[in-house]
Amino acid sequence: MSAPVARRRLRLGVNIDHVATVRNARGGAAPDLVRAAELAIAAGADGITAHLREDRRHVRDADLDGLTELTRRIDRPLNLEMAVTDEMVAIAIAHRPHAVCLVPERREERTTEGGLDVAGQHNWITPAVRRLREEGGSRVSLFIAADPTQVQASADAGAQVVELHTGAYCDALRQGSADAQSYLDHLQAAAAQATALGLEVHAGHGIDYDSVDPVALIPEVVELNIGHFLIGEAIFVGLENAIGRMRVLMDVARGVAL
């Protein structure tokens, strides 16, 4: 049995994709993603996450250039979410972000649905992981469901990190479903398994103020990546206030002095 994991301050990665969604609805340059990233960091984010989709529905290549320059200048990590394609691997290698999170992607989906099938696509994912690590110098994360087979496959593929998909848990909690506890149990078990295999554990998707506490209390989790909810809440209270409240909730859950 592995030793218990010490409780520590959680890192917060803020996904700013939907700032770009608002911009793209009208065209032009506003609202500006780099400005949003700067505000997010000032409000308590530890890093910035951006998903460069194949169809460029929100973040675009020029945005990635600006975010790369900013995060290097202020010495904060950029986490690039992307599909496992030759095009995306080449872009990541060229930009060399601090981290790359490989996610499943379908053109018709509204948002990322479920996790990567690492076990079933091992022969495709493993070479991509190797190239991103060796040629791009990035830490590689795989976005997976809280499933023991996928956790083991992620370790076998050479990833350094897994990001557990929290969407099913957050949806069940929001709906008052009795399944919420079962989903949380699976997240806890997957986090413990991943840590025992030497993987760093992140979590994300669908997290809001009501669901963050139970996820933050999983001691093996070291980072949460949250986007859509924070951008939506910012419409009412401002980006800095939205992120600031999430930061406080995460710190309180972990018992970290404010």
C-alpha atoms as a PDB file:
ATOM      1  CA  MET A   1       0.000   0.000   0.000  1.00  0.00           C
ATOM      2  CA  SER A   2       1.364   3.439  -0.938  1.00  0.00           C
ATOM      3  CA  ALA A   3       1.943   6.093   1.699  1.00  0.00           C
ATOM      4  CA  PRO A   4      -0.843   8.652   2.213  1.00  0.00           C
ATOM      5  CA  VAL A   5      -0.564  11.786   0.105  1.00  0.00           C
ATOM      6  CA  ALA A   6       0.043  14.992   2.035  1.00  0.00           C
ATOM      7  CA  ARG A   7      -2.623  17.623   1.563  1.00  0.00           C
ATOM      8  CA  ARG A   8      -1.262  20.667  -0.269  1.00  0.00           C
ATOM      9  CA  ARG A   9      -2.392  23.795  -2.044  1.00  0.00           C
ATOM     10  CA  LEU A  10      -4.201  23.050  -5.267  1.00  0.00           C
ATOM     11  CA  ARG A  11      -3.093  24.689  -8.475  1.00  0.00           C
ATOM     12  CA  LEU A  12      -5.795  26.366 -10.551  1.00  0.00           C
ATOM     13  CA  GLY A  13      -5.593  26.397 -14.327  1.00  0.00           C
ATOM     14  CA  VAL A  14      -8.113  28.726 -15.941  1.00  0.00           C
ATOM     15  CA  ASN A  15      -9.335  27.760 -19.396  1.00  0.00           C
ATOM     16  CA  ILE A  16     -10.007  30.890 -21.438  1.00  0.00           C
ATOM     17  CA  ASP A  17     -11.459  29.239 -24.558  1.00  0.00           C
ATOM     18  CA  HIS A  18     -14.855  30.828 -24.150  1.00  0.00           C
ATOM     19  CA  VAL A  19     -13.469  34.341 -24.085  1.00  0.00           C
ATOM     20  CA  ALA A  20     -12.549  33.498 -27.665  1.00  0.00           C
ATOM     21  CA  THR A  21     -16.041  32.088 -28.233  1.00  0.00           C
ATOM     22  CA  VAL A  22     -17.524  35.488 -27.395  1.00  0.00           C
ATOM     23  CA  ARG A  23     -15.007  37.250 -29.645  1.00  0.00           C
ATOM     24  CA  ASN A  24     -15.665  34.917 -32.550  1.00  0.00           C
ATOM     25  CA  ALA A  25     -19.428  35.432 -32.308  1.00  0.00           C
ATOM     26  CA  ARG A  26     -18.923  38.996 -33.541  1.00  0.00           C
ATOM     27  CA  GLY A  27     -15.502  38.904 -35.176  1.00  0.00           C
ATOM     28  CA  GLY A  28     -12.766  41.390 -34.560  1.00  0.00           C
ATOM     29  CA  ALA A  29     -10.319  41.445 -31.674  1.00  0.00           C
ATOM     30  CA  ALA A  30     -12.483  41.955 -28.568  1.00  0.00           C
ATOM     31  CA  PRO A  31     -12.524  40.540 -25.999  1.00  0.00           C
ATOM     32  CA  ASP A  32      -8.782  39.966 -26.016  1.00  0.00           C
ATOM     33  CA  LEU A  33      -7.502  36.561 -24.852  1.00  0.00           C
ATOM     34  CA  VAL A  34      -4.139  37.802 -23.650  1.00  0.00           C
ATOM     35  CA  ARG A  35      -5.833  40.416 -21.476  1.00  0.00           C
ATOM     36  CA  ALA A  36      -8.121  37.705 -20.078  1.00  0.00           C
ATOM     37  CA  ALA A  37      -5.098  35.557 -19.285  1.00  0.00           C
ATOM     38  CA  GLU A  38      -3.397  38.443 -17.494  1.00  0.00           C
ATOM     39  CA  LEU A  39      -6.532  39.094 -15.408  1.00  0.00           C
ATOM     40  CA  ALA A  40      -6.841  35.396 -14.594  1.00  0.00           C
ATOM     41  CA  ILE A  41      -3.290  35.244 -13.276  1.00  0.00           C
ATOM     42  CA  ALA A  42      -3.796  38.429 -11.259  1.00  0.00           C
ATOM     43  CA  ALA A  43      -6.948  36.911  -9.720  1.00  0.00           C
ATOM     44  CA  GLY A  44      -5.199  33.770  -8.493  1.00  0.00           C
ATOM     45  CA  ALA A  45      -4.845  31.380 -11.424  1.00  0.00           C
ATOM     46  CA  ASP A  46      -1.600  29.431 -11.413  1.00  0.00           C
ATOM     47  CA  GLY A  47      -1.644  28.838 -15.148  1.00  0.00           C
ATOM     48  CA  ILE A  48      -3.614  29.230 -18.360  1.00  0.00           C
ATOM     49  CA  THR A  49      -5.295  26.474 -20.341  1.00  0.00           C
ATOM     50  CA  ALA A  50      -6.361  26.820 -23.980  1.00  0.00           C
ATOM     51  CA  HIS A  51      -7.843  24.233 -26.357  1.00  0.00           C
ATOM     52  CA  LEU A  52      -6.761  24.644 -29.966  1.00  0.00           C
ATOM     53  CA  ARG A  53      -9.420  22.654 -31.796  1.00  0.00           C
ATOM     54  CA  GLU A  54      -9.002  21.358 -35.309  1.00  0.00           C
ATOM     55  CA  ASP A  55     -11.859  23.581 -36.520  1.00  0.00           C
ATOM     56  CA  ARG A  56     -10.499  26.629 -34.588  1.00  0.00           C
ATOM     57  CA  ARG A  57     -13.986  27.309 -33.216  1.00  0.00           C
ATOM     58  CA  HIS A  58     -12.590  29.441 -30.382  1.00  0.00           C
ATOM     59  CA  VAL A  59      -8.814  29.644 -29.810  1.00  0.00           C
ATOM     60  CA  ARG A  60      -6.903  30.357 -33.025  1.00  0.00           C
ATOM     61  CA  ASP A  61      -3.259  29.990 -34.011  1.00  0.00           C
ATOM     62  CA  ALA A  62      -2.543  33.691 -33.480  1.00  0.00           C
ATOM     63  CA  ASP A  63      -4.023  33.432 -29.977  1.00  0.00           C
ATOM     64  CA  LEU A  64      -1.627  30.625 -29.204  1.00  0.00           C
ATOM     65  CA  ASP A  65       1.282  32.816 -30.296  1.00  0.00           C
ATOM     66  CA  GLY A  66       0.172  35.588 -27.922  1.00  0.00           C
ATOM     67  CA  LEU A  67      -0.503  33.260 -24.999  1.00  0.00           C
ATOM     68  CA  THR A  68       2.860  31.556 -25.448  1.00  0.00           C
ATOM     69  CA  GLU A  69       4.657  34.906 -25.361  1.00  0.00           C
ATOM     70  CA  LEU A  70       2.716  36.070 -22.300  1.00  0.00           C
ATOM     71  CA  THR A  71       3.153  32.945 -20.204  1.00  0.00           C
ATOM     72  CA  ARG A  72       6.870  32.846 -20.909  1.00  0.00           C
ATOM     73  CA  ARG A  73       7.251  36.512 -20.062  1.00  0.00           C
ATOM     74  CA  ILE A  74       5.478  36.191 -16.718  1.00  0.00           C
ATOM     75  CA  ASP A  75       6.842  32.683 -16.029  1.00  0.00           C
ATOM     76  CA  ARG A  76       3.477  30.951 -15.735  1.00  0.00           C
ATOM     77  CA  PRO A  77       2.586  27.633 -17.382  1.00  0.00           C
ATOM     78  CA  LEU A  78       0.536  27.350 -20.546  1.00  0.00           C
ATOM     79  CA  ASN A  79      -1.421  24.112 -20.836  1.00  0.00           C
ATOM     80  CA  LEU A  80      -2.342  23.399 -24.454  1.00  0.00           C
ATOM     81  CA  GLU A  81      -5.313  21.065 -24.882  1.00  0.00           C
ATOM     82  CA  MET A  82      -5.446  19.369 -28.269  1.00  0.00           C
ATOM     83  CA  ALA A  83      -6.507  16.318 -30.222  1.00  0.00           C
ATOM     84  CA  VAL A  84      -4.080  13.520 -31.022  1.00  0.00           C
ATOM     85  CA  THR A  85      -3.381  14.457 -34.645  1.00  0.00           C
ATOM     86  CA  ASP A  86      -0.188  15.013 -36.616  1.00  0.00           C
ATOM     87  CA  GLU A  87      -1.134  18.667 -37.158  1.00  0.00           C
ATOM     88  CA  MET A  88      -1.626  19.347 -33.454  1.00  0.00           C
ATOM     89  CA  VAL A  89       1.513  17.494 -32.401  1.00  0.00           C
ATOM     90  CA  ALA A  90       3.522  19.591 -34.866  1.00  0.00           C
ATOM     91  CA  ILE A  91       1.986  22.828 -33.523  1.00  0.00           C
ATOM     92  CA  ALA A  92       2.780  21.837 -29.946  1.00  0.00           C
ATOM     93  CA  ILE A  93       6.357  20.936 -30.805  1.00  0.00           C
ATOM     94  CA  ALA A  94       6.802  24.299 -32.545  1.00  0.00           C
ATOM     95  CA  HIS A  95       5.395  26.313 -29.601  1.00  0.00           C
ATOM     96  CA  ARG A  96       6.789  24.143 -26.784  1.00  0.00           C
ATOM     97  CA  PRO A  97       4.143  24.941 -24.142  1.00  0.00           C
ATOM     98  CA  HIS A  98       4.848  23.918 -20.562  1.00  0.00           C
ATOM     99  CA  ALA A  99       2.181  21.205 -20.788  1.00  0.00           C
ATOM    100  CA  VAL A 100       0.098  19.447 -23.419  1.00  0.00           C
ATOM    101  CA  CYS A 101      -3.159  17.723 -22.509  1.00  0.00           C
ATOM    102  CA  LEU A 102      -4.342  15.257 -25.135  1.00  0.00           C
ATOM    103  CA  VAL A 103      -8.129  15.098 -25.343  1.00  0.00           C
ATOM    104  CA  PRO A 104     -10.702  13.327 -27.535  1.00  0.00           C
ATOM    105  CA  GLU A 105     -12.247  15.575 -30.141  1.00  0.00           C
ATOM    106  CA  ARG A 106     -15.203  15.255 -32.495  1.00  0.00           C
ATOM    107  CA  ARG A 107     -16.231  18.046 -34.846  1.00  0.00           C
ATOM    108  CA  GLU A 108     -19.935  17.787 -33.959  1.00  0.00           C
ATOM    109  CA  GLU A 109     -19.542  17.915 -30.165  1.00  0.00           C
ATOM    110  CA  ARG A 110     -20.261  21.111 -28.236  1.00  0.00           C
ATOM    111  CA  THR A 111     -17.561  20.368 -25.695  1.00  0.00           C
ATOM    112  CA  THR A 112     -15.235  17.489 -24.874  1.00  0.00           C
ATOM    113  CA  GLU A 113     -17.388  14.432 -24.222  1.00  0.00           C
ATOM    114  CA  GLY A 114     -15.741  11.776 -22.072  1.00  0.00           C
ATOM    115  CA  GLY A 115     -12.093  10.851 -21.887  1.00  0.00           C
ATOM    116  CA  LEU A 116      -9.534   9.428 -24.274  1.00  0.00           C
ATOM    117  CA  ASP A 117      -9.647   5.713 -24.953  1.00  0.00           C
ATOM    118  CA  VAL A 118      -5.955   5.325 -24.201  1.00  0.00           C
ATOM    119  CA  ALA A 119      -6.199   1.554 -23.890  1.00  0.00           C
ATOM    120  CA  GLY A 120      -7.931   1.182 -27.254  1.00  0.00           C
ATOM    121  CA  GLN A 121      -5.755   3.735 -29.082  1.00  0.00           C
ATOM    122  CA  HIS A 122      -2.454   2.887 -27.418  1.00  0.00           C
ATOM    123  CA  ASN A 123      -0.567   2.442 -30.706  1.00  0.00           C
ATOM    124  CA  TRP A 124      -1.583   5.962 -31.825  1.00  0.00           C
ATOM    125  CA  ILE A 125      -1.316   7.812 -28.515  1.00  0.00           C
ATOM    126  CA  THR A 126       2.016   6.418 -27.271  1.00  0.00           C
ATOM    127  CA  PRO A 127       4.113   7.751 -30.208  1.00  0.00           C
ATOM    128  CA  ALA A 128       2.436  11.174 -29.850  1.00  0.00           C
ATOM    129  CA  VAL A 129       3.282  11.246 -26.143  1.00  0.00           C
ATOM    130  CA  ARG A 130       6.880  10.346 -26.909  1.00  0.00           C
ATOM    131  CA  ARG A 131       7.247  13.064 -29.565  1.00  0.00           C
ATOM    132  CA  LEU A 132       5.692  15.743 -27.360  1.00  0.00           C
ATOM    133  CA  ARG A 133       8.035  14.874 -24.509  1.00  0.00           C
ATOM    134  CA  GLU A 134      11.234  14.368 -26.505  1.00  0.00           C
ATOM    135  CA  GLU A 135      10.863  16.894 -29.335  1.00  0.00           C
ATOM    136  CA  GLY A 136       8.587  19.457 -27.683  1.00  0.00           C
ATOM    137  CA  GLY A 137       9.892  19.287 -24.131  1.00  0.00           C
ATOM    138  CA  SER A 138       6.334  19.455 -22.778  1.00  0.00           C
ATOM    139  CA  ARG A 139       4.807  17.630 -19.848  1.00  0.00           C
ATOM    140  CA  VAL A 140       2.139  15.387 -21.322  1.00  0.00           C
ATOM    141  CA  SER A 141      -1.255  14.829 -19.735  1.00  0.00           C
ATOM    142  CA  LEU A 142      -3.989  12.474 -20.910  1.00  0.00           C
ATOM    143  CA  PHE A 143      -7.625  13.450 -20.298  1.00  0.00           C
ATOM    144  CA  ILE A 144      -9.338  10.260 -19.207  1.00  0.00           C
ATOM    145  CA  ALA A 145     -12.385   8.894 -17.448  1.00  0.00           C
ATOM    146  CA  ALA A 146     -11.901   7.657 -13.896  1.00  0.00           C
ATOM    147  CA  ASP A 147     -11.472   4.087 -15.089  1.00  0.00           C
ATOM    148  CA  PRO A 148      -8.678   1.772 -13.851  1.00  0.00           C
ATOM    149  CA  THR A 149      -7.968   0.419 -17.339  1.00  0.00           C
ATOM    150  CA  GLN A 150      -7.451   3.929 -18.722  1.00  0.00           C
ATOM    151  CA  VAL A 151      -5.279   4.957 -15.777  1.00  0.00           C
ATOM    152  CA  GLN A 152      -2.981   1.966 -16.296  1.00  0.00           C
ATOM    153  CA  ALA A 153      -2.892   2.556 -20.056  1.00  0.00           C
ATOM    154  CA  SER A 154      -1.906   6.196 -19.481  1.00  0.00           C
ATOM    155  CA  ALA A 155       1.072   5.117 -17.401  1.00  0.00           C
ATOM    156  CA  ASP A 156       2.017   2.539 -20.035  1.00  0.00           C
ATOM    157  CA  ALA A 157       1.813   5.223 -22.754  1.00  0.00           C
ATOM    158  CA  GLY A 158       4.485   7.308 -21.020  1.00  0.00           C
ATOM    159  CA  ALA A 159       2.314  10.205 -19.881  1.00  0.00           C
ATOM    160  CA  GLN A 160       3.476  12.155 -16.847  1.00  0.00           C
ATOM    161  CA  VAL A 161       0.006  13.374 -15.886  1.00  0.00           C
ATOM    162  CA  VAL A 162      -3.605  12.264 -16.088  1.00  0.00           C
ATOM    163  CA  GLU A 163      -6.500  14.704 -15.941  1.00  0.00           C
ATOM    164  CA  LEU A 164      -9.610  12.981 -14.628  1.00  0.00           C
ATOM    165  CA  HIS A 165     -12.876  13.895 -16.353  1.00  0.00           C
ATOM    166  CA  THR A 166     -15.175  15.216 -13.610  1.00  0.00           C
ATOM    167  CA  GLY A 167     -18.148  15.964 -15.864  1.00  0.00           C
ATOM    168  CA  ALA A 168     -20.293  12.955 -14.922  1.00  0.00           C
ATOM    169  CA  TYR A 169     -19.844  13.681 -11.219  1.00  0.00           C
ATOM    170  CA  CYS A 170     -20.573  17.403 -11.568  1.00  0.00           C
ATOM    171  CA  ASP A 171     -23.668  16.771 -13.695  1.00  0.00           C
ATOM    172  CA  ALA A 172     -25.020  14.204 -11.239  1.00  0.00           C
ATOM    173  CA  LEU A 173     -24.433  16.520  -8.290  1.00  0.00           C
ATOM    174  CA  ARG A 174     -26.118  19.422 -10.075  1.00  0.00           C
ATOM    175  CA  GLN A 175     -29.140  17.245 -10.857  1.00  0.00           C
ATOM    176  CA  GLY A 176     -29.384  15.874  -7.322  1.00  0.00           C
ATOM    177  CA  SER A 177     -28.777  12.342  -8.610  1.00  0.00           C
ATOM    178  CA  ALA A 178     -27.996   9.488  -6.226  1.00  0.00           C
ATOM    179  CA  ASP A 179     -25.239   8.497  -8.682  1.00  0.00           C
ATOM    180  CA  ALA A 180     -23.089  11.444  -7.639  1.00  0.00           C
ATOM    181  CA  GLN A 181     -21.434   9.566  -4.774  1.00  0.00           C
ATOM    182  CA  SER A 182     -20.584   6.629  -7.018  1.00  0.00           C
ATOM    183  CA  TYR A 183     -18.939   8.945  -9.555  1.00  0.00           C
ATOM    184  CA  LEU A 184     -16.981  10.619  -6.754  1.00  0.00           C
ATOM    185  CA  ASP A 185     -15.847   7.216  -5.464  1.00  0.00           C
ATOM    186  CA  HIS A 186     -14.513   6.380  -8.927  1.00  0.00           C
ATOM    187  CA  LEU A 187     -12.621   9.675  -9.068  1.00  0.00           C
ATOM    188  CA  GLN A 188     -11.056   9.004  -5.676  1.00  0.00           C
ATOM    189  CA  ALA A 189     -10.029   5.473  -6.640  1.00  0.00           C
ATOM    190  CA  ALA A 190      -8.576   6.601  -9.979  1.00  0.00           C
ATOM    191  CA  ALA A 191      -6.590   9.385  -8.302  1.00  0.00           C
ATOM    192  CA  ALA A 192      -5.098   6.931  -5.793  1.00  0.00           C
ATOM    193  CA  GLN A 193      -4.257   4.434  -8.542  1.00  0.00           C
ATOM    194  CA  ALA A 194      -2.623   7.075 -10.742  1.00  0.00           C
ATOM    195  CA  THR A 195      -0.496   8.365  -7.886  1.00  0.00           C
ATOM    196  CA  ALA A 196       0.643   4.848  -7.043  1.00  0.00           C
ATOM    197  CA  LEU A 197       1.737   4.476 -10.685  1.00  0.00           C
ATOM    198  CA  GLY A 198       3.803   7.678 -10.473  1.00  0.00           C
ATOM    199  CA  LEU A 199       1.395   9.888 -12.411  1.00  0.00           C
ATOM    200  CA  GLU A 200       0.536  13.431 -11.371  1.00  0.00           C
ATOM    201  CA  VAL A 201      -3.225  13.863 -11.042  1.00  0.00           C
ATOM    202  CA  HIS A 202      -5.287  16.779 -12.359  1.00  0.00           C
ATOM    203  CA  ALA A 203      -9.068  17.056 -12.647  1.00  0.00           C
ATOM    204  CA  GLY A 204     -11.492  19.110 -14.669  1.00  0.00           C
ATOM    205  CA  HIS A 205     -14.718  19.524 -16.655  1.00  0.00           C
ATOM    206  CA  GLY A 206     -17.985  20.934 -15.361  1.00  0.00           C
ATOM    207  CA  ILE A 207     -16.627  22.098 -12.000  1.00  0.00           C
ATOM    208  CA  ASP A 208     -18.490  25.001 -10.381  1.00  0.00           C
ATOM    209  CA  TYR A 209     -18.713  26.520  -6.906  1.00  0.00           C
ATOM    210  CA  ASP A 210     -20.963  23.704  -5.653  1.00  0.00           C
ATOM    211  CA  SER A 211     -18.911  20.796  -6.972  1.00  0.00           C
ATOM    212  CA  VAL A 212     -15.391  22.070  -6.383  1.00  0.00           C
ATOM    213  CA  ASP A 213     -15.167  21.171  -2.692  1.00  0.00           C
ATOM    214  CA  PRO A 214     -15.509  17.355  -2.978  1.00  0.00           C
ATOM    215  CA  VAL A 215     -13.068  17.246  -5.896  1.00  0.00           C
ATOM    216  CA  ALA A 216     -10.608  19.522  -4.098  1.00  0.00           C
ATOM    217  CA  LEU A 217     -10.737  17.193  -1.093  1.00  0.00           C
ATOM    218  CA  ILE A 218      -9.263  14.298  -3.105  1.00  0.00           C
ATOM    219  CA  PRO A 219      -5.722  14.524  -1.685  1.00  0.00           C
ATOM    220  CA  GLU A 220      -3.908  13.119  -4.726  1.00  0.00           C
ATOM    221  CA  VAL A 221      -5.284  15.827  -7.046  1.00  0.00           C
ATOM    222  CA  VAL A 222      -2.777  18.653  -7.463  1.00  0.00           C
ATOM    223  CA  GLU A 223      -4.466  20.802 -10.129  1.00  0.00           C
ATOM    224  CA  LEU A 224      -7.963  21.725 -11.270  1.00  0.00           C
ATOM    225  CA  ASN A 225      -8.643  23.097 -14.749  1.00  0.00           C
ATOM    226  CA  ILE A 226     -11.829  25.157 -14.897  1.00  0.00           C
ATOM    227  CA  GLY A 227     -13.112  27.277 -17.739  1.00  0.00           C
ATOM    228  CA  HIS A 228     -16.703  27.522 -18.942  1.00  0.00           C
ATOM    229  CA  PHE A 229     -18.248  28.122 -15.524  1.00  0.00           C
ATOM    230  CA  LEU A 230     -15.770  30.873 -14.633  1.00  0.00           C
ATOM    231  CA  ILE A 231     -16.209  32.693 -17.942  1.00  0.00           C
ATOM    232  CA  GLY A 232     -19.989  32.477 -17.554  1.00  0.00           C
ATOM    233  CA  GLU A 233     -19.898  33.700 -13.958  1.00  0.00           C
ATOM    234  CA  ALA A 234     -17.663  36.584 -15.036  1.00  0.00           C
ATOM    235  CA  ILE A 235     -20.590  38.024 -16.999  1.00  0.00           C
ATOM    236  CA  PHE A 236     -22.263  38.772 -13.668  1.00  0.00           C
ATOM    237  CA  VAL A 237     -19.396  39.464 -11.258  1.00  0.00           C
ATOM    238  CA  GLY A 238     -16.302  40.067 -13.389  1.00  0.00           C
ATOM    239  CA  LEU A 239     -13.481  37.668 -14.211  1.00  0.00           C
ATOM    240  CA  GLU A 240     -11.295  38.564 -11.248  1.00  0.00           C
ATOM    241  CA  ASN A 241     -14.153  38.091  -8.761  1.00  0.00           C
ATOM    242  CA  ALA A 242     -15.255  34.809 -10.333  1.00  0.00           C
ATOM    243  CA  ILE A 243     -11.752  33.356 -10.224  1.00  0.00           C
ATOM    244  CA  GLY A 244     -11.013  34.849  -6.819  1.00  0.00           C
ATOM    245  CA  ARG A 245     -13.999  33.098  -5.257  1.00  0.00           C
ATOM    246  CA  MET A 246     -13.003  29.763  -6.821  1.00  0.00           C
ATOM    247  CA  ARG A 247      -9.482  30.224  -5.506  1.00  0.00           C
ATOM    248  CA  VAL A 248     -10.825  30.800  -1.986  1.00  0.00           C
ATOM    249  CA  LEU A 249     -13.079  27.730  -2.142  1.00  0.00           C
ATOM    250  CA  MET A 250     -10.166  25.568  -3.260  1.00  0.00           C
ATOM    251  CA  ASP A 251      -7.929  26.881  -0.489  1.00  0.00           C
ATOM    252  CA  VAL A 252     -10.582  26.431   2.179  1.00  0.00           C
ATOM    253  CA  ALA A 253     -11.194  22.851   1.038  1.00  0.00           C
ATOM    254  CA  ARG A 254      -7.499  22.107   1.368  1.00  0.00           C
ATOM    255  CA  GLY A 255      -7.161  23.897   4.694  1.00  0.00           C
ATOM    256  CA  VAL A 256      -4.636  26.314   3.228  1.00  0.00           C
ATOM    257  CA  ALA A 257      -4.190  29.604   5.056  1.00  0.00           C
ATOM    258  CA  LEU A 258      -5.723  32.505   3.125  1.00  0.00           C
END
